Each structure stands twice: as C-alpha cells, then as structure tokens.
Amino acid sequence: MKKTFLFLPFLLIISGFIYNHIIDEKMKQLLQQLNVSDSYAQEMIFSGCSGNYFNPPNLKAIKGLASGDRTSLVPIVGKYIKDFTSSQDFIKRYNNYRETKKPKEPEKPKTIAQMKDEQRKGIKEGIVNLEQTKKQTPKDQQGIYDDMIQQYKEQLKTIDDPDNPMFSPEMEKIFNDSYQQQMTEYNAKLSEWKKEYPADNPKPMIRTWVNTFLEKTADVNYNAKTATGQYGKDIFVDQKYERKDGVWKMGYRAGKAPMDAARSFAQGWLSELK
C-alpha cells in the first residue's frame, strides 16, 4: 500500500509530462500548417498583448479549418500563449516595453543667469561670424554688416539691463512655478505608470488583454445573417452587426463551439492572473 501511495505522485508527474509533450507537438504541427515560425508567433502574441489587440496570423488558413478542429486547438493554442507570457523572454520584452510607456520627466528650467550666459554667448558668436563674413565681402558692401554688427551689440547691452523683463525675478518665478506644476503632473502620471506597468510583472497588462477579449466577444450573435456585398465581400445584413469591431466579427466567423471553448479558457486564465 505504501509503495502504491509513493508511486502515484510519480505517475501523475509522468502523465503530465506526456500530456504537455503531446500538446507541444501539436502546437508545432499547427505552426507548420499555418506557415508561421515560432519567433513570429511569439512576436504576434507580445504585440497583441502590449497593444491590446487581436490579429491571429494567417487567418485564411485558420478559416480553412473545420469548426471541430478549431475547437480542439483552443487548449493547445491557449497553453502555448500562457507558457510564453510567463516566460523570461516575455518578461524581458515587457520590461523594455514598460520603459517606452514611462512618462518623461520635465526638464528643469534654467536660471536667469544661465539664460543670460547662453544668450550672451550666442550674440558674441554671431558678431564674430559677421565680422569674418564682412572681411570676405567687397568694401562697397561691408556697410550692411556694420549695421547688423551694431544691432547685435545693442542686443548684448540689453542682457544686463535691469529693466529687461525677460531676465527679471518675476520671469524666473513664472518659469519655476510652471516647472513645479509640470512636476506635480509628472509624479501623478509616474504613480499611474508604476501601477499599470509594475516592474517584472506583466500580469496587469495580460489581464487587460484577456478582459478585452471577453468583453468584446460576450454578445456575439452566431445566428446573424450575412450577404455578399460589393467586391464579393461578406457583410452583415443588420448594420448594427456590420458596425461591430474586428474582435466581435472574428468571434462570429470562428463559430460558437470554438468561441465557447476560447472564452472558457480565457475565464479560467483570468482567475489565475489575480
């Protein structure tokens, strides 16, 4: 009895390994049938999940599968997606994507002294350039540059003019107040970003993706009538269905049995993502 008891866990592990191996082999066969590489399939999964959209590869080949075949493939494809989204590769991609969604910190404003120095430097460089150009210009035309150089020198004087409003303490306060307001908005966005995209944890993003699928396929009418429209394209007779988005229409074309299986899988997965 004791030997039997010890053997049972081992048997369950072996059975699970064999089952997963069979599932993995069927997924490989499906990818070959769809003429889709493993790397491309994974890229499509990540793009769809991060962008919260659904765009299965090689839809034409998928549509060619019988409804029963599509239904039986749901757990196989589902396991493949779950395995990939829990892999280190997916987490690495997620962390890289997460950084692209990070709010940009506002640039700290320059002090009045810094702005004066920059403008002074720019004007002085302008004067030097004009003087060099003047030397290369015929004498009868050099007067034009004299006038421009003089204007630059006048601008140079205004930089240190205490009555210049552009470099007043009031203007510096306006810049600093604006910066503080931007920082308040930035910190609020940063807090939301950390909540929506926690480091090393793509579950919230995956949860949003699965929820979107369930919400958009919740009311598919598999009895909706279609007709052949312009250019031979199938359209829904009822315009309210024709106005539905692509996910709803994808569910309709997949059929009730495959979609019931897909929704059941998604609901089970969603409970694991809490």
Protein backbone atom coordinates (compact mmCIF):
# COMPACT_ATOMS: atom_id res chain seq x y z
CA MET A 1 0.00 0.00 0.00
CA LYS A 2 2.85 2.32 0.90
CA LYS A 3 4.61 1.63 -2.41
CA THR A 4 1.39 2.40 -4.30
CA PHE A 5 0.99 5.67 -2.43
CA LEU A 6 4.55 6.72 -3.28
CA PHE A 7 4.12 5.69 -6.91
CA LEU A 8 1.00 7.81 -7.51
CA PRO A 9 2.71 11.26 -7.44
CA PHE A 10 5.39 9.94 -9.79
CA LEU A 11 2.70 8.61 -12.14
CA LEU A 12 0.91 11.95 -12.12
CA ILE A 13 4.14 13.80 -12.96
CA ILE A 14 4.93 11.43 -15.84
CA SER A 15 1.35 11.67 -17.14
CA GLY A 16 1.52 15.47 -17.05
CA PHE A 17 4.84 15.44 -18.86
CA ILE A 18 3.49 13.16 -21.60
CA TYR A 19 0.33 15.29 -21.94
CA ASN A 20 2.33 18.53 -22.21
CA HIS A 21 4.69 16.92 -24.71
CA ILE A 22 1.76 15.89 -26.90
CA ILE A 23 0.27 19.40 -26.65
CA ASP A 24 3.61 20.98 -27.57
CA GLU A 25 4.00 18.68 -30.58
CA LYS A 26 0.50 19.54 -31.79
CA MET A 27 1.32 23.23 -31.47
CA LYS A 28 4.45 22.75 -33.57
CA GLN A 29 2.37 20.98 -36.20
CA LEU A 30 -0.17 23.80 -36.16
CA LEU A 31 2.52 26.45 -36.66
CA GLN A 32 3.87 24.46 -39.60
CA GLN A 33 0.37 24.14 -41.02
CA LEU A 34 -0.12 27.89 -40.73
CA ASN A 35 3.35 28.52 -42.18
CA VAL A 36 4.25 30.58 -39.11
CA SER A 37 7.57 30.45 -37.29
CA ASP A 38 7.79 30.13 -33.53
CA SER A 39 9.52 33.51 -33.23
CA TYR A 40 6.88 35.23 -35.39
CA ALA A 41 4.04 33.70 -33.38
CA GLN A 42 5.63 34.94 -30.15
CA GLU A 43 6.11 38.40 -31.61
CA MET A 44 2.43 38.47 -32.61
CA ILE A 45 1.42 37.44 -29.09
CA PHE A 46 3.53 40.12 -27.45
CA SER A 47 2.43 42.82 -29.91
CA GLY A 48 -1.21 41.90 -29.42
CA CYS A 49 -0.94 41.78 -25.66
CA SER A 50 1.02 45.02 -25.28
CA GLY A 51 -1.14 46.81 -27.85
CA ASN A 52 -4.36 45.23 -26.54
CA TYR A 53 -5.50 44.00 -29.94
CA PHE A 54 -6.08 40.65 -31.63
CA ASN A 55 -4.65 39.76 -35.00
CA PRO A 56 -4.08 36.00 -35.46
CA PRO A 57 -1.52 35.10 -38.14
CA ASN A 58 -2.62 33.52 -41.42
CA LEU A 59 -6.36 33.93 -40.88
CA LYS A 60 -7.07 32.38 -44.27
CA ALA A 61 -5.55 29.07 -43.16
CA ILE A 62 -7.34 29.23 -39.80
CA LYS A 63 -10.68 29.80 -41.53
CA GLY A 64 -10.00 26.71 -43.62
CA LEU A 65 -10.01 24.51 -40.52
CA ALA A 66 -13.23 22.72 -39.65
CA SER A 67 -15.11 24.04 -36.62
CA GLY A 68 -14.36 20.88 -34.64
CA ASP A 69 -10.66 21.22 -35.39
CA ARG A 70 -10.69 24.86 -34.31
CA THR A 71 -12.37 23.86 -31.04
CA SER A 72 -9.86 21.11 -30.28
CA LEU A 73 -6.99 23.52 -30.94
CA VAL A 74 -8.14 26.06 -28.32
CA PRO A 75 -6.42 24.42 -25.31
CA ILE A 76 -3.30 23.79 -27.40
CA VAL A 77 -3.01 27.39 -28.53
CA GLY A 78 -4.06 28.59 -25.09
CA LYS A 79 -1.29 26.66 -23.38
CA TYR A 80 1.24 27.97 -25.88
CA ILE A 81 0.18 31.56 -25.17
CA LYS A 82 0.16 31.04 -21.40
CA ASP A 83 3.59 29.42 -21.43
CA PHE A 84 5.06 32.23 -23.50
CA THR A 85 3.52 35.02 -21.42
CA SER A 86 5.01 33.51 -18.26
CA SER A 87 8.47 33.04 -19.80
CA GLN A 88 11.57 35.11 -19.04
CA ASP A 89 11.67 36.14 -22.69
CA PHE A 90 8.21 37.69 -22.41
CA ILE A 91 9.10 39.42 -19.13
CA LYS A 92 12.23 40.87 -20.74
CA ARG A 93 10.20 42.19 -23.67
CA TYR A 94 7.66 43.55 -21.22
CA ASN A 95 10.29 45.43 -19.19
CA ASN A 96 11.64 47.01 -22.37
CA TYR A 97 8.13 47.95 -23.49
CA ARG A 98 7.37 49.24 -19.99
CA GLU A 99 10.18 51.78 -20.30
CA THR A 100 8.66 53.16 -23.51
CA LYS A 101 5.45 53.89 -21.61
CA LYS A 102 7.23 55.68 -18.78
CA PRO A 103 6.26 59.37 -18.51
CA LYS A 104 9.03 61.78 -19.44
CA GLU A 105 10.28 63.92 -16.59
CA PRO A 106 10.00 67.65 -17.37
CA GLU A 107 13.25 69.49 -17.89
CA LYS A 108 14.26 71.74 -15.02
CA PRO A 109 14.19 75.41 -16.09
CA LYS A 110 17.44 77.29 -16.47
CA THR A 111 18.25 80.08 -14.08
CA ILE A 112 18.19 83.67 -15.26
CA ALA A 113 21.99 83.71 -15.01
CA GLN A 114 22.23 80.64 -17.26
CA MET A 115 19.85 82.15 -19.82
CA LYS A 116 21.86 85.38 -19.84
CA ASP A 117 25.11 83.47 -20.36
CA GLU A 118 23.65 81.43 -23.22
CA GLN A 119 22.20 84.46 -24.97
CA ARG A 120 25.39 86.46 -24.44
CA LYS A 121 27.45 83.61 -25.90
CA GLY A 122 25.12 83.28 -28.91
CA ILE A 123 25.25 87.01 -29.69
CA LYS A 124 29.04 87.14 -29.37
CA GLU A 125 29.40 84.19 -31.72
CA GLY A 126 27.05 85.95 -34.15
CA ILE A 127 29.21 89.08 -34.07
CA VAL A 128 32.39 87.08 -34.72
CA ASN A 129 30.74 85.31 -37.69
CA LEU A 130 29.51 88.59 -39.15
CA GLU A 131 32.94 90.19 -38.80
CA GLN A 132 34.56 87.24 -40.59
CA THR A 133 31.98 87.40 -43.38
CA LYS A 134 32.50 91.16 -43.65
CA LYS A 135 36.22 90.67 -44.34
CA GLN A 136 35.36 88.41 -47.28
CA THR A 137 32.86 90.90 -48.74
CA PRO A 138 33.71 93.73 -51.20
CA LYS A 139 34.25 97.05 -49.37
CA ASP A 140 31.31 98.74 -51.05
CA GLN A 141 29.00 96.14 -49.44
CA GLN A 142 30.57 95.94 -45.99
CA GLY A 143 28.29 98.63 -44.60
CA ILE A 144 25.43 96.13 -44.45
CA TYR A 145 27.41 94.03 -42.00
CA ASP A 146 28.36 97.07 -39.93
CA ASP A 147 24.68 97.77 -39.32
CA MET A 148 23.99 94.13 -38.37
CA ILE A 149 27.01 94.01 -36.04
CA GLN A 150 25.82 97.18 -34.35
CA GLN A 151 22.35 95.69 -33.83
CA TYR A 152 23.94 92.62 -32.20
CA LYS A 153 25.99 94.86 -29.90
CA GLU A 154 22.84 96.71 -28.87
CA GLN A 155 21.19 93.39 -28.06
CA LEU A 156 24.23 92.47 -25.98
CA LYS A 157 23.69 95.56 -23.82
CA THR A 158 20.07 94.67 -23.09
CA ILE A 159 21.06 91.36 -21.49
CA ASP A 160 22.37 93.08 -18.36
CA ASP A 161 19.75 95.80 -18.40
CA PRO A 162 17.97 95.52 -15.00
CA ASP A 163 14.75 96.71 -16.66
CA ASN A 164 14.74 93.89 -19.21
CA PRO A 165 11.54 91.92 -18.36
CA MET A 166 12.86 88.73 -19.99
CA PHE A 167 15.53 88.40 -17.30
CA SER A 168 13.61 89.69 -14.29
CA PRO A 169 12.99 87.83 -11.00
CA GLU A 170 9.30 87.78 -11.90
CA MET A 171 10.04 85.90 -15.12
CA GLU A 172 12.21 83.41 -13.21
CA LYS A 173 9.32 82.82 -10.80
CA ILE A 174 6.96 82.16 -13.71
CA PHE A 175 9.38 79.56 -15.09
CA ASN A 176 9.77 77.87 -11.71
CA ASP A 177 6.04 77.85 -10.98
CA SER A 178 5.39 76.26 -14.37
CA TYR A 179 8.06 73.65 -13.66
CA GLN A 180 6.50 72.79 -10.29
CA GLN A 181 3.12 72.33 -11.96
CA GLN A 182 4.68 70.06 -14.57
CA MET A 183 6.41 68.05 -11.84
CA THR A 184 3.10 67.57 -10.00
CA GLU A 185 1.50 66.22 -13.18
CA TYR A 186 4.58 64.09 -13.90
CA ASN A 187 4.57 62.48 -10.44
CA ALA A 188 0.86 61.64 -10.78
CA LYS A 189 1.49 60.03 -14.17
CA LEU A 190 4.54 58.20 -12.81
CA SER A 191 2.45 56.73 -10.00
CA GLU A 192 -0.16 55.52 -12.50
CA TRP A 193 2.58 54.07 -14.70
CA LYS A 194 4.06 52.08 -11.82
CA LYS A 195 0.60 50.73 -11.03
CA GLU A 196 -0.28 49.87 -14.63
CA TYR A 197 3.17 48.53 -15.51
CA PRO A 198 4.84 47.07 -12.39
CA ALA A 199 8.44 46.02 -12.92
CA ASP A 200 8.97 42.35 -13.87
CA ASN A 201 5.22 41.74 -13.65
CA PRO A 202 3.26 41.73 -16.92
CA LYS A 203 0.13 40.28 -15.28
CA PRO A 204 -1.84 43.57 -15.26
CA MET A 205 -1.13 44.02 -18.99
CA ILE A 206 -2.11 40.41 -19.74
CA ARG A 207 -5.23 40.78 -17.60
CA THR A 208 -6.32 43.80 -19.63
CA TRP A 209 -5.79 41.85 -22.84
CA VAL A 210 -7.81 38.83 -21.70
CA ASN A 211 -10.55 41.06 -20.29
CA THR A 212 -10.82 42.90 -23.60
CA PHE A 213 -11.28 39.61 -25.44
CA LEU A 214 -14.03 38.51 -23.04
CA GLU A 215 -15.82 41.85 -23.16
CA LYS A 216 -15.77 42.14 -26.95
CA THR A 217 -16.97 38.58 -27.54
CA ALA A 218 -19.60 38.48 -24.81
CA ASP A 219 -22.57 39.21 -27.10
CA VAL A 220 -21.65 37.54 -30.41
CA ASN A 221 -24.80 36.58 -32.32
CA TYR A 222 -23.86 33.43 -34.19
CA ASN A 223 -27.23 33.49 -35.98
CA ALA A 224 -26.63 36.89 -37.56
CA LYS A 225 -27.32 36.83 -41.30
CA THR A 226 -24.70 37.79 -43.86
CA ALA A 227 -24.86 38.56 -47.55
CA THR A 228 -22.40 39.12 -50.36
CA GLY A 229 -21.62 42.79 -50.66
CA GLN A 230 -19.53 44.88 -53.00
CA TYR A 231 -16.39 43.21 -54.38
CA GLY A 232 -17.67 39.83 -53.18
CA LYS A 233 -17.06 40.57 -49.52
CA ASP A 234 -19.41 39.08 -46.91
CA ILE A 235 -21.25 41.72 -44.92
CA PHE A 236 -23.84 41.57 -42.17
CA VAL A 237 -27.42 42.22 -43.26
CA ASP A 238 -28.11 44.01 -39.97
CA GLN A 239 -25.99 47.16 -39.92
CA LYS A 240 -25.59 47.09 -36.14
CA TYR A 241 -23.51 43.93 -36.61
CA GLU A 242 -21.63 45.39 -39.56
CA ARG A 243 -20.56 48.23 -37.28
CA LYS A 244 -19.11 45.81 -34.71
CA ASP A 245 -15.34 45.80 -34.27
CA GLY A 246 -12.94 43.19 -35.62
CA VAL A 247 -12.80 41.06 -32.47
CA TRP A 248 -16.57 40.57 -32.44
CA LYS A 249 -16.53 39.67 -36.13
CA MET A 250 -13.60 37.34 -35.60
CA GLY A 251 -15.62 35.55 -32.91
CA TYR A 252 -18.60 35.27 -35.25
CA ARG A 253 -16.51 33.76 -38.01
CA ALA A 254 -14.76 31.37 -35.63
CA GLY A 255 -18.12 29.84 -34.67
CA LYS A 256 -19.94 29.19 -31.42
CA ALA A 257 -18.19 25.99 -30.30
CA PRO A 258 -14.63 27.32 -30.78
CA MET A 259 -15.55 30.63 -29.17
CA ASP A 260 -17.22 28.97 -26.19
CA ALA A 261 -14.03 26.97 -25.69
CA ALA A 262 -11.88 30.09 -26.10
CA ARG A 263 -13.98 32.12 -23.67
CA SER A 264 -13.94 29.30 -21.13
CA PHE A 265 -10.16 29.10 -21.39
CA ALA A 266 -9.84 32.90 -21.08
CA GLN A 267 -12.08 32.99 -17.99
CA GLY A 268 -10.01 30.28 -16.33
CA TRP A 269 -6.80 32.09 -17.19
CA LEU A 270 -8.18 35.35 -15.88
CA SER A 271 -8.82 33.79 -12.47
CA GLU A 272 -5.15 32.74 -12.35
CA LEU A 273 -3.94 36.27 -13.12
CA LYS A 274 -5.36 37.80 -9.95
